[in-house]
């Protein structure tokens, strides 16, 4: 109990007083001391008090700040589950590709990943609209980490599926009900800022055999790095999609920005002994 509070008395901040049923008991104004709101638990110096009522008679309507906080917590919990599902789907996709699974199976996992990531993106936007400004930067950085990983495995899956995907896409679109959005439109709505990259057949680089880097880079440079139709974010997307194992770990921490493309290339060159 804080200074000034008395037994048998309920205290209310101004917001909660407006959302609390009076139940026949008169409110009295209080100020100048430290009180704790019976309704929301916040401390205040100016508010109201009244005779304590039974808990069964208390209002169930929280003040706006409490309602927003409760909504934020529920949304965060839902997003935590969604993030877990996206991560599991990516791990499943990675495992199937590494084990040279049937392309149709990979395509099915890929479609499921697109759907789960779309749900995650919606929850991310809801959280960012509710969270305080001090926490917004961390939220965006974490969101971008998931987005980067999604983009990498989206591109890898598309490259693995190859021509099978176009056949399956066509069949699925032709057989869809009219009120179902085609997959290509769904992908576009999830990644509104991501350009549609042309499919390229690229050699992968693991970083385990550094002597293979010159030949890898020569092919990558010809197909991607020297391609004037691609910006640095496009090029970085391709690079992240073809590096695996040690090489992938070396640049994993770099997000998809124009500046980080050059940094990633330099890291791979240094690790491969091309540059000091």
C-alpha atoms as a PDB file:
ATOM      1  CA  UNK A   1       0.000   0.000   0.000  1.00  0.00           C
ATOM      2  CA  UNK A   2       1.373   3.418  -0.973  1.00  0.00           C
ATOM      3  CA  UNK A   3       1.488   6.558   1.125  1.00  0.00           C
ATOM      4  CA  UNK A   4      -1.983   8.062   1.532  1.00  0.00           C
ATOM      5  CA  UNK A   5      -3.907   4.882   0.672  1.00  0.00           C
ATOM      6  CA  UNK A   6      -6.444   3.522   3.139  1.00  0.00           C
ATOM      7  CA  UNK A   7      -8.047   0.148   3.659  1.00  0.00           C
ATOM      8  CA  UNK A   8     -11.575  -0.228   2.362  1.00  0.00           C
ATOM      9  CA  UNK A   9     -11.009   2.416  -0.324  1.00  0.00           C
ATOM     10  CA  UNK A  10     -10.547   1.895  -4.072  1.00  0.00           C
ATOM     11  CA  UNK A  11      -8.399   4.329  -6.073  1.00  0.00           C
ATOM     12  CA  UNK A  12      -8.756   5.146  -9.778  1.00  0.00           C
ATOM     13  CA  UNK A  13      -6.681   7.045 -12.317  1.00  0.00           C
ATOM     14  CA  UNK A  14      -8.623   9.487 -14.514  1.00  0.00           C
ATOM     15  CA  UNK A  15      -8.866   7.072 -17.466  1.00  0.00           C
ATOM     16  CA  UNK A  16     -10.162   4.157 -15.405  1.00  0.00           C
ATOM     17  CA  UNK A  17     -12.653   6.354 -13.540  1.00  0.00           C
ATOM     18  CA  UNK A  18     -14.348   7.069 -16.874  1.00  0.00           C
ATOM     19  CA  UNK A  19     -14.649   3.357 -17.727  1.00  0.00           C
ATOM     20  CA  UNK A  20     -15.739   2.102 -14.294  1.00  0.00           C
ATOM     21  CA  UNK A  21     -19.351   1.580 -13.306  1.00  0.00           C
ATOM     22  CA  UNK A  22     -20.181   3.600 -10.203  1.00  0.00           C
ATOM     23  CA  UNK A  23     -22.425   0.974  -8.601  1.00  0.00           C
ATOM     24  CA  UNK A  24     -24.065   3.694  -6.500  1.00  0.00           C
ATOM     25  CA  UNK A  25     -20.849   4.741  -4.765  1.00  0.00           C
ATOM     26  CA  UNK A  26     -19.637   8.328  -5.012  1.00  0.00           C
ATOM     27  CA  UNK A  27     -16.189   9.231  -6.365  1.00  0.00           C
ATOM     28  CA  UNK A  28     -14.053  11.735  -4.487  1.00  0.00           C
ATOM     29  CA  UNK A  29     -11.101  13.538  -6.069  1.00  0.00           C
ATOM     30  CA  UNK A  30      -7.639  12.885  -4.581  1.00  0.00           C
ATOM     31  CA  UNK A  31      -4.302  14.510  -5.388  1.00  0.00           C
ATOM     32  CA  UNK A  32      -0.838  15.312  -4.112  1.00  0.00           C
ATOM     33  CA  UNK A  33       0.211  11.830  -2.977  1.00  0.00           C
ATOM     34  CA  UNK A  34       1.218   8.516  -4.521  1.00  0.00           C
ATOM     35  CA  UNK A  35      -1.711   6.206  -5.271  1.00  0.00           C
ATOM     36  CA  UNK A  36      -2.104   2.934  -7.172  1.00  0.00           C
ATOM     37  CA  UNK A  37      -5.055   2.536  -9.524  1.00  0.00           C
ATOM     38  CA  UNK A  38      -7.224  -0.395  -8.418  1.00  0.00           C
ATOM     39  CA  UNK A  39      -8.301  -0.973 -12.011  1.00  0.00           C
ATOM     40  CA  UNK A  40      -5.072  -0.879 -14.069  1.00  0.00           C
ATOM     41  CA  UNK A  41      -2.305  -0.891 -11.434  1.00  0.00           C
ATOM     42  CA  UNK A  42      -0.652   2.338 -12.601  1.00  0.00           C
ATOM     43  CA  UNK A  43       0.618   4.875 -10.058  1.00  0.00           C
ATOM     44  CA  UNK A  44      -0.845   8.382 -10.084  1.00  0.00           C
ATOM     45  CA  UNK A  45      -0.822  11.570  -8.012  1.00  0.00           C
ATOM     46  CA  UNK A  46      -4.162  13.027  -9.127  1.00  0.00           C
ATOM     47  CA  UNK A  47      -7.263  10.900  -9.541  1.00  0.00           C
ATOM     48  CA  UNK A  48     -10.265   9.574  -7.643  1.00  0.00           C
ATOM     49  CA  UNK A  49     -11.218   7.326  -4.730  1.00  0.00           C
ATOM     50  CA  UNK A  50     -14.404   5.745  -3.478  1.00  0.00           C
ATOM     51  CA  UNK A  51     -15.572   3.119  -1.015  1.00  0.00           C
ATOM     52  CA  UNK A  52     -14.228  -0.282  -1.956  1.00  0.00           C
ATOM     53  CA  UNK A  53     -16.670  -2.574  -3.764  1.00  0.00           C
ATOM     54  CA  UNK A  54     -16.728  -6.347  -4.075  1.00  0.00           C
ATOM     55  CA  UNK A  55     -14.537  -7.787  -6.809  1.00  0.00           C
ATOM     56  CA  UNK A  56     -17.620  -9.319  -8.422  1.00  0.00           C
ATOM     57  CA  UNK A  57     -19.048  -5.807  -8.833  1.00  0.00           C
ATOM     58  CA  UNK A  58     -15.908  -4.274 -10.314  1.00  0.00           C
ATOM     59  CA  UNK A  59     -15.930  -3.081 -13.894  1.00  0.00           C
ATOM     60  CA  UNK A  60     -14.254  -5.322 -16.446  1.00  0.00           C
ATOM     61  CA  UNK A  61     -13.447  -2.395 -18.771  1.00  0.00           C
ATOM     62  CA  UNK A  62      -9.732  -1.418 -18.696  1.00  0.00           C
ATOM     63  CA  UNK A  63      -8.426   2.024 -19.614  1.00  0.00           C
ATOM     64  CA  UNK A  64      -7.104   2.584 -23.144  1.00  0.00           C
ATOM     65  CA  UNK A  65      -3.434   2.089 -22.255  1.00  0.00           C
ATOM     66  CA  UNK A  66      -4.171  -1.234 -20.540  1.00  0.00           C
ATOM     67  CA  UNK A  67      -6.323  -2.400 -23.439  1.00  0.00           C
ATOM     68  CA  UNK A  68      -3.556  -1.586 -25.930  1.00  0.00           C
ATOM     69  CA  UNK A  69      -0.981  -3.386 -23.808  1.00  0.00           C
ATOM     70  CA  UNK A  70      -3.191  -6.471 -23.568  1.00  0.00           C
ATOM     71  CA  UNK A  71      -3.710  -6.439 -27.338  1.00  0.00           C
ATOM     72  CA  UNK A  72       0.034  -6.056 -27.889  1.00  0.00           C
ATOM     73  CA  UNK A  73       0.793  -9.039 -25.662  1.00  0.00           C
ATOM     74  CA  UNK A  74      -1.772 -11.235 -27.447  1.00  0.00           C
ATOM     75  CA  UNK A  75      -0.410 -10.215 -30.840  1.00  0.00           C
ATOM     76  CA  UNK A  76       3.170 -10.895 -29.750  1.00  0.00           C
ATOM     77  CA  UNK A  77       2.189 -14.360 -28.542  1.00  0.00           C
ATOM     78  CA  UNK A  78       0.520 -15.117 -31.855  1.00  0.00           C
ATOM     79  CA  UNK A  79       3.547 -13.806 -33.726  1.00  0.00           C
ATOM     80  CA  UNK A  80       5.900 -15.957 -31.649  1.00  0.00           C
ATOM     81  CA  UNK A  81       3.967 -19.034 -32.753  1.00  0.00           C
ATOM     82  CA  UNK A  82       3.978 -17.779 -36.354  1.00  0.00           C
ATOM     83  CA  UNK A  83       7.748 -17.217 -36.303  1.00  0.00           C
ATOM     84  CA  UNK A  84       8.250 -20.735 -34.993  1.00  0.00           C
ATOM     85  CA  UNK A  85       6.121 -22.159 -37.806  1.00  0.00           C
ATOM     86  CA  UNK A  86       8.030 -20.194 -40.459  1.00  0.00           C
ATOM     87  CA  UNK A  87      11.372 -21.361 -39.039  1.00  0.00           C
ATOM     88  CA  UNK A  88      10.214 -24.993 -38.989  1.00  0.00           C
ATOM     89  CA  UNK A  89       9.001 -24.697 -42.572  1.00  0.00           C
ATOM     90  CA  UNK A  90      12.337 -23.238 -43.710  1.00  0.00           C
ATOM     91  CA  UNK A  91      14.229 -26.022 -41.909  1.00  0.00           C
ATOM     92  CA  UNK A  92      11.971 -28.583 -43.573  1.00  0.00           C
ATOM     93  CA  UNK A  93      12.580 -26.994 -46.969  1.00  0.00           C
ATOM     94  CA  UNK A  94      16.337 -26.928 -46.384  1.00  0.00           C
ATOM     95  CA  UNK A  95      16.360 -30.587 -45.346  1.00  0.00           C
ATOM     96  CA  UNK A  96      14.376 -31.702 -48.401  1.00  0.00           C
ATOM     97  CA  UNK A  97      16.593 -29.753 -50.809  1.00  0.00           C
ATOM     98  CA  UNK A  98      19.802 -31.027 -49.179  1.00  0.00           C
ATOM     99  CA  UNK A  99      18.495 -34.577 -49.481  1.00  0.00           C
ATOM    100  CA  UNK A 100      17.579 -34.108 -53.157  1.00  0.00           C
ATOM    101  CA  UNK A 101      13.883 -34.615 -52.557  1.00  0.00           C
ATOM    102  CA  UNK A 102      11.297 -34.896 -55.280  1.00  0.00           C
ATOM    103  CA  UNK A 103      10.661 -31.468 -56.819  1.00  0.00           C
ATOM    104  CA  UNK A 104       6.921 -31.743 -56.298  1.00  0.00           C
ATOM    105  CA  UNK A 105       7.473 -32.275 -52.564  1.00  0.00           C
ATOM    106  CA  UNK A 106       9.759 -29.249 -52.401  1.00  0.00           C
ATOM    107  CA  UNK A 107       7.159 -27.188 -54.248  1.00  0.00           C
ATOM    108  CA  UNK A 108       4.461 -28.153 -51.739  1.00  0.00           C
ATOM    109  CA  UNK A 109       6.662 -27.096 -48.810  1.00  0.00           C
ATOM    110  CA  UNK A 110       7.513 -23.892 -50.669  1.00  0.00           C
ATOM    111  CA  UNK A 111       3.830 -22.984 -51.114  1.00  0.00           C
ATOM    112  CA  UNK A 112       3.181 -23.646 -47.413  1.00  0.00           C
ATOM    113  CA  UNK A 113       6.146 -21.418 -46.507  1.00  0.00           C
ATOM    114  CA  UNK A 114       4.726 -18.561 -48.595  1.00  0.00           C
ATOM    115  CA  UNK A 115       1.401 -18.829 -46.750  1.00  0.00           C
ATOM    116  CA  UNK A 116       2.989 -18.959 -43.296  1.00  0.00           C
ATOM    117  CA  UNK A 117       5.254 -16.005 -44.045  1.00  0.00           C
ATOM    118  CA  UNK A 118       2.281 -13.958 -45.227  1.00  0.00           C
ATOM    119  CA  UNK A 119       0.593 -14.571 -41.865  1.00  0.00           C
ATOM    120  CA  UNK A 120       3.808 -13.574 -40.057  1.00  0.00           C
ATOM    121  CA  UNK A 121       4.069 -10.347 -42.071  1.00  0.00           C
ATOM    122  CA  UNK A 122       0.528  -9.389 -41.064  1.00  0.00           C
ATOM    123  CA  UNK A 123       1.305  -9.959 -37.367  1.00  0.00           C
ATOM    124  CA  UNK A 124       4.565  -7.978 -37.658  1.00  0.00           C
ATOM    125  CA  UNK A 125       2.629  -4.979 -38.953  1.00  0.00           C
ATOM    126  CA  UNK A 126       0.104  -5.264 -36.100  1.00  0.00           C
ATOM    127  CA  UNK A 127       2.878  -5.380 -33.477  1.00  0.00           C
ATOM    128  CA  UNK A 128       4.683  -2.400 -35.000  1.00  0.00           C
ATOM    129  CA  UNK A 129       1.462  -0.369 -34.901  1.00  0.00           C
ATOM    130  CA  UNK A 130       1.029  -1.062 -31.166  1.00  0.00           C
ATOM    131  CA  UNK A 131       4.582  -0.997 -29.820  1.00  0.00           C
ATOM    132  CA  UNK A 132       6.209   2.059 -28.236  1.00  0.00           C
ATOM    133  CA  UNK A 133       8.688   4.074 -30.280  1.00  0.00           C
ATOM    134  CA  UNK A 134      11.675   3.038 -28.138  1.00  0.00           C
ATOM    135  CA  UNK A 135      11.262  -0.616 -29.131  1.00  0.00           C
ATOM    136  CA  UNK A 136      10.477  -0.023 -32.798  1.00  0.00           C
ATOM    137  CA  UNK A 137      14.063  -0.243 -34.069  1.00  0.00           C
ATOM    138  CA  UNK A 138      14.656  -3.672 -32.500  1.00  0.00           C
ATOM    139  CA  UNK A 139      11.333  -4.866 -33.904  1.00  0.00           C
ATOM    140  CA  UNK A 140      12.268  -3.810 -37.426  1.00  0.00           C
ATOM    141  CA  UNK A 141      15.745  -5.393 -37.219  1.00  0.00           C
ATOM    142  CA  UNK A 142      14.299  -8.719 -36.048  1.00  0.00           C
ATOM    143  CA  UNK A 143      11.599  -8.581 -38.719  1.00  0.00           C
ATOM    144  CA  UNK A 144      14.243  -8.017 -41.399  1.00  0.00           C
ATOM    145  CA  UNK A 145      16.229 -11.052 -40.206  1.00  0.00           C
ATOM    146  CA  UNK A 146      13.219 -13.283 -40.804  1.00  0.00           C
ATOM    147  CA  UNK A 147      12.505 -11.572 -44.126  1.00  0.00           C
ATOM    148  CA  UNK A 148      16.098 -12.074 -45.332  1.00  0.00           C
ATOM    149  CA  UNK A 149      16.032 -15.759 -44.471  1.00  0.00           C
ATOM    150  CA  UNK A 150      12.661 -16.166 -46.161  1.00  0.00           C
ATOM    151  CA  UNK A 151      13.910 -14.496 -49.358  1.00  0.00           C
ATOM    152  CA  UNK A 152      17.038 -16.674 -49.453  1.00  0.00           C
ATOM    153  CA  UNK A 153      15.090 -19.935 -49.201  1.00  0.00           C
ATOM    154  CA  UNK A 154      12.363 -18.701 -51.523  1.00  0.00           C
ATOM    155  CA  UNK A 155      14.995 -18.142 -54.225  1.00  0.00           C
ATOM    156  CA  UNK A 156      16.748 -21.459 -53.487  1.00  0.00           C
ATOM    157  CA  UNK A 157      13.469 -23.352 -53.672  1.00  0.00           C
ATOM    158  CA  UNK A 158      12.541 -21.703 -56.964  1.00  0.00           C
ATOM    159  CA  UNK A 159      15.947 -22.535 -58.416  1.00  0.00           C
ATOM    160  CA  UNK A 160      15.664 -26.151 -57.208  1.00  0.00           C
ATOM    161  CA  UNK A 161      12.160 -26.603 -58.561  1.00  0.00           C
ATOM    162  CA  UNK A 162      13.092 -25.149 -61.947  1.00  0.00           C
ATOM    163  CA  UNK A 163      10.727 -25.887 -64.800  1.00  0.00           C
ATOM    164  CA  UNK A 164       8.545 -28.135 -62.637  1.00  0.00           C
ATOM    165  CA  UNK A 165       7.332 -25.074 -60.726  1.00  0.00           C
ATOM    166  CA  UNK A 166       5.998 -23.328 -63.811  1.00  0.00           C
ATOM    167  CA  UNK A 167       4.011 -26.415 -64.799  1.00  0.00           C
ATOM    168  CA  UNK A 168       2.603 -26.838 -61.289  1.00  0.00           C
ATOM    169  CA  UNK A 169       1.823 -23.142 -60.958  1.00  0.00           C
ATOM    170  CA  UNK A 170      -0.091 -23.194 -64.229  1.00  0.00           C
ATOM    171  CA  UNK A 171      -2.122 -26.245 -63.232  1.00  0.00           C
ATOM    172  CA  UNK A 172      -2.879 -24.847 -59.776  1.00  0.00           C
ATOM    173  CA  UNK A 173      -4.004 -21.501 -61.181  1.00  0.00           C
ATOM    174  CA  UNK A 174      -6.238 -23.122 -63.787  1.00  0.00           C
ATOM    175  CA  UNK A 175      -7.891 -25.307 -61.151  1.00  0.00           C
ATOM    176  CA  UNK A 176      -8.322 -22.599 -58.512  1.00  0.00           C
ATOM    177  CA  UNK A 177     -11.760 -21.245 -57.559  1.00  0.00           C
ATOM    178  CA  UNK A 178     -12.282 -17.684 -58.730  1.00  0.00           C
ATOM    179  CA  UNK A 179     -12.044 -16.252 -55.215  1.00  0.00           C
ATOM    180  CA  UNK A 180      -8.581 -17.742 -54.572  1.00  0.00           C
ATOM    181  CA  UNK A 181      -5.572 -15.497 -55.170  1.00  0.00           C
ATOM    182  CA  UNK A 182      -2.929 -17.093 -57.437  1.00  0.00           C
ATOM    183  CA  UNK A 183       0.368 -17.876 -55.735  1.00  0.00           C
ATOM    184  CA  UNK A 184       2.370 -15.349 -57.753  1.00  0.00           C
ATOM    185  CA  UNK A 185       0.051 -12.579 -56.554  1.00  0.00           C
ATOM    186  CA  UNK A 186       0.361 -13.827 -52.988  1.00  0.00           C
ATOM    187  CA  UNK A 187       4.149 -13.723 -53.161  1.00  0.00           C
ATOM    188  CA  UNK A 188       3.961 -10.212 -54.597  1.00  0.00           C
ATOM    189  CA  UNK A 189       1.720  -9.027 -51.772  1.00  0.00           C
ATOM    190  CA  UNK A 190       4.083 -10.463 -49.155  1.00  0.00           C
ATOM    191  CA  UNK A 191       7.175  -8.851 -50.618  1.00  0.00           C
ATOM    192  CA  UNK A 192       5.836  -5.589 -51.981  1.00  0.00           C
ATOM    193  CA  UNK A 193       9.284  -4.039 -52.073  1.00  0.00           C
ATOM    194  CA  UNK A 194      11.103  -7.029 -53.531  1.00  0.00           C
ATOM    195  CA  UNK A 195      11.681  -6.987 -57.301  1.00  0.00           C
ATOM    196  CA  UNK A 196      10.779 -10.083 -59.277  1.00  0.00           C
ATOM    197  CA  UNK A 197      14.183 -11.502 -60.094  1.00  0.00           C
ATOM    198  CA  UNK A 198      14.780 -13.453 -63.292  1.00  0.00           C
ATOM    199  CA  UNK A 199      15.635 -17.113 -62.781  1.00  0.00           C
ATOM    200  CA  UNK A 200      19.323 -17.794 -63.285  1.00  0.00           C
ATOM    201  CA  UNK A 201      21.224 -21.070 -63.153  1.00  0.00           C
ATOM    202  CA  UNK A 202      24.084 -20.342 -60.778  1.00  0.00           C
ATOM    203  CA  UNK A 203      26.866 -22.416 -59.279  1.00  0.00           C
ATOM    204  CA  UNK A 204      26.866 -22.690 -55.477  1.00  0.00           C
ATOM    205  CA  UNK A 205      29.848 -22.002 -53.222  1.00  0.00           C
ATOM    206  CA  UNK A 206      30.271 -23.583 -49.777  1.00  0.00           C
ATOM    207  CA  UNK A 207      33.585 -22.026 -48.736  1.00  0.00           C
ATOM    208  CA  UNK A 208      35.024 -25.396 -47.766  1.00  0.00           C
ATOM    209  CA  UNK A 209      37.218 -25.608 -50.871  1.00  0.00           C
ATOM    210  CA  UNK A 210      38.588 -22.078 -51.229  1.00  0.00           C
ATOM    211  CA  UNK A 211      40.402 -23.020 -54.455  1.00  0.00           C
ATOM    212  CA  UNK A 212      37.000 -23.194 -56.165  1.00  0.00           C
ATOM    213  CA  UNK A 213      36.191 -19.565 -55.388  1.00  0.00           C
ATOM    214  CA  UNK A 214      37.866 -18.016 -58.492  1.00  0.00           C
ATOM    215  CA  UNK A 215      35.832 -20.180 -60.882  1.00  0.00           C
ATOM    216  CA  UNK A 216      32.664 -19.621 -58.837  1.00  0.00           C
ATOM    217  CA  UNK A 217      33.177 -15.875 -58.817  1.00  0.00           C
ATOM    218  CA  UNK A 218      33.983 -15.733 -62.535  1.00  0.00           C
ATOM    219  CA  UNK A 219      30.624 -17.347 -63.352  1.00  0.00           C
ATOM    220  CA  UNK A 220      28.730 -15.296 -60.770  1.00  0.00           C
ATOM    221  CA  UNK A 221      30.358 -12.087 -61.946  1.00  0.00           C
ATOM    222  CA  UNK A 222      29.425 -12.778 -65.551  1.00  0.00           C
ATOM    223  CA  UNK A 223      25.793 -13.678 -64.761  1.00  0.00           C
ATOM    224  CA  UNK A 224      25.063 -11.299 -61.889  1.00  0.00           C
ATOM    225  CA  UNK A 225      27.759  -8.849 -60.812  1.00  0.00           C
ATOM    226  CA  UNK A 226      28.242  -7.379 -64.301  1.00  0.00           C
ATOM    227  CA  UNK A 227      24.516  -7.398 -65.070  1.00  0.00           C
ATOM    228  CA  UNK A 228      23.500  -3.742 -65.457  1.00  0.00           C
ATOM    229  CA  UNK A 229      19.815  -4.645 -65.158  1.00  0.00           C
ATOM    230  CA  UNK A 230      20.273  -5.668 -61.524  1.00  0.00           C
ATOM    231  CA  UNK A 231      20.795  -3.324 -58.586  1.00  0.00           C
ATOM    232  CA  UNK A 232      22.995  -4.224 -55.613  1.00  0.00           C
ATOM    233  CA  UNK A 233      20.074  -5.557 -53.558  1.00  0.00           C
ATOM    234  CA  UNK A 234      19.152  -7.910 -56.426  1.00  0.00           C
ATOM    235  CA  UNK A 235      22.776  -9.037 -56.716  1.00  0.00           C
ATOM    236  CA  UNK A 236      23.010  -9.595 -52.974  1.00  0.00           C
ATOM    237  CA  UNK A 237      19.810 -11.667 -53.063  1.00  0.00           C
ATOM    238  CA  UNK A 238      21.358 -13.908 -55.705  1.00  0.00           C
ATOM    239  CA  UNK A 239      24.628 -14.153 -53.788  1.00  0.00           C
ATOM    240  CA  UNK A 240      22.891 -15.147 -50.568  1.00  0.00           C
ATOM    241  CA  UNK A 241      20.904 -17.773 -52.438  1.00  0.00           C
ATOM    242  CA  UNK A 242      23.988 -19.575 -53.798  1.00  0.00           C
ATOM    243  CA  UNK A 243      26.359 -19.570 -50.813  1.00  0.00           C
ATOM    244  CA  UNK A 244      26.096 -22.504 -48.409  1.00  0.00           C
ATOM    245  CA  UNK A 245      27.852 -23.943 -45.357  1.00  0.00           C
ATOM    246  CA  UNK A 246      30.901 -21.880 -44.247  1.00  0.00           C
ATOM    247  CA  UNK A 247      30.371 -19.209 -46.895  1.00  0.00           C
ATOM    248  CA  UNK A 248      26.760 -18.708 -45.889  1.00  0.00           C
ATOM    249  CA  UNK A 249      27.750 -18.368 -42.225  1.00  0.00           C
ATOM    250  CA  UNK A 250      30.374 -15.760 -43.117  1.00  0.00           C
ATOM    251  CA  UNK A 251      27.785 -13.310 -44.523  1.00  0.00           C
ATOM    252  CA  UNK A 252      24.672 -14.408 -42.645  1.00  0.00           C
ATOM    253  CA  UNK A 253      24.686 -11.348 -40.396  1.00  0.00           C
ATOM    254  CA  UNK A 254      24.494  -8.899 -43.293  1.00  0.00           C
ATOM    255  CA  UNK A 255      20.999  -7.712 -44.173  1.00  0.00           C
ATOM    256  CA  UNK A 256      19.879  -7.132 -47.754  1.00  0.00           C
ATOM    257  CA  UNK A 257      21.027  -3.566 -48.399  1.00  0.00           C
ATOM    258  CA  UNK A 258      22.997  -2.055 -51.309  1.00  0.00           C
ATOM    259  CA  UNK A 259      25.965  -1.275 -49.056  1.00  0.00           C
ATOM    260  CA  UNK A 260      26.180  -4.807 -47.658  1.00  0.00           C
ATOM    261  CA  UNK A 261      26.551  -6.419 -51.085  1.00  0.00           C
ATOM    262  CA  UNK A 262      30.063  -5.045 -51.497  1.00  0.00           C
ATOM    263  CA  UNK A 263      30.886  -5.998 -47.890  1.00  0.00           C
ATOM    264  CA  UNK A 264      29.706  -9.578 -48.484  1.00  0.00           C
ATOM    265  CA  UNK A 265      31.798  -9.922 -51.636  1.00  0.00           C
ATOM    266  CA  UNK A 266      34.877  -8.620 -49.803  1.00  0.00           C
ATOM    267  CA  UNK A 267      34.334 -11.067 -46.908  1.00  0.00           C
ATOM    268  CA  UNK A 268      34.128 -14.017 -49.301  1.00  0.00           C
ATOM    269  CA  UNK A 269      37.240 -12.823 -51.166  1.00  0.00           C
ATOM    270  CA  UNK A 270      39.220 -12.447 -47.925  1.00  0.00           C
ATOM    271  CA  UNK A 271      38.083 -15.809 -46.553  1.00  0.00           C
ATOM    272  CA  UNK A 272      39.058 -17.442 -49.839  1.00  0.00           C
ATOM    273  CA  UNK A 273      42.495 -15.837 -49.847  1.00  0.00           C
ATOM    274  CA  UNK A 274      41.828 -13.692 -52.898  1.00  0.00           C
ATOM    275  CA  UNK A 275      42.332 -10.443 -50.980  1.00  0.00           C
ATOM    276  CA  UNK A 276      44.025  -9.563 -47.719  1.00  0.00           C
END
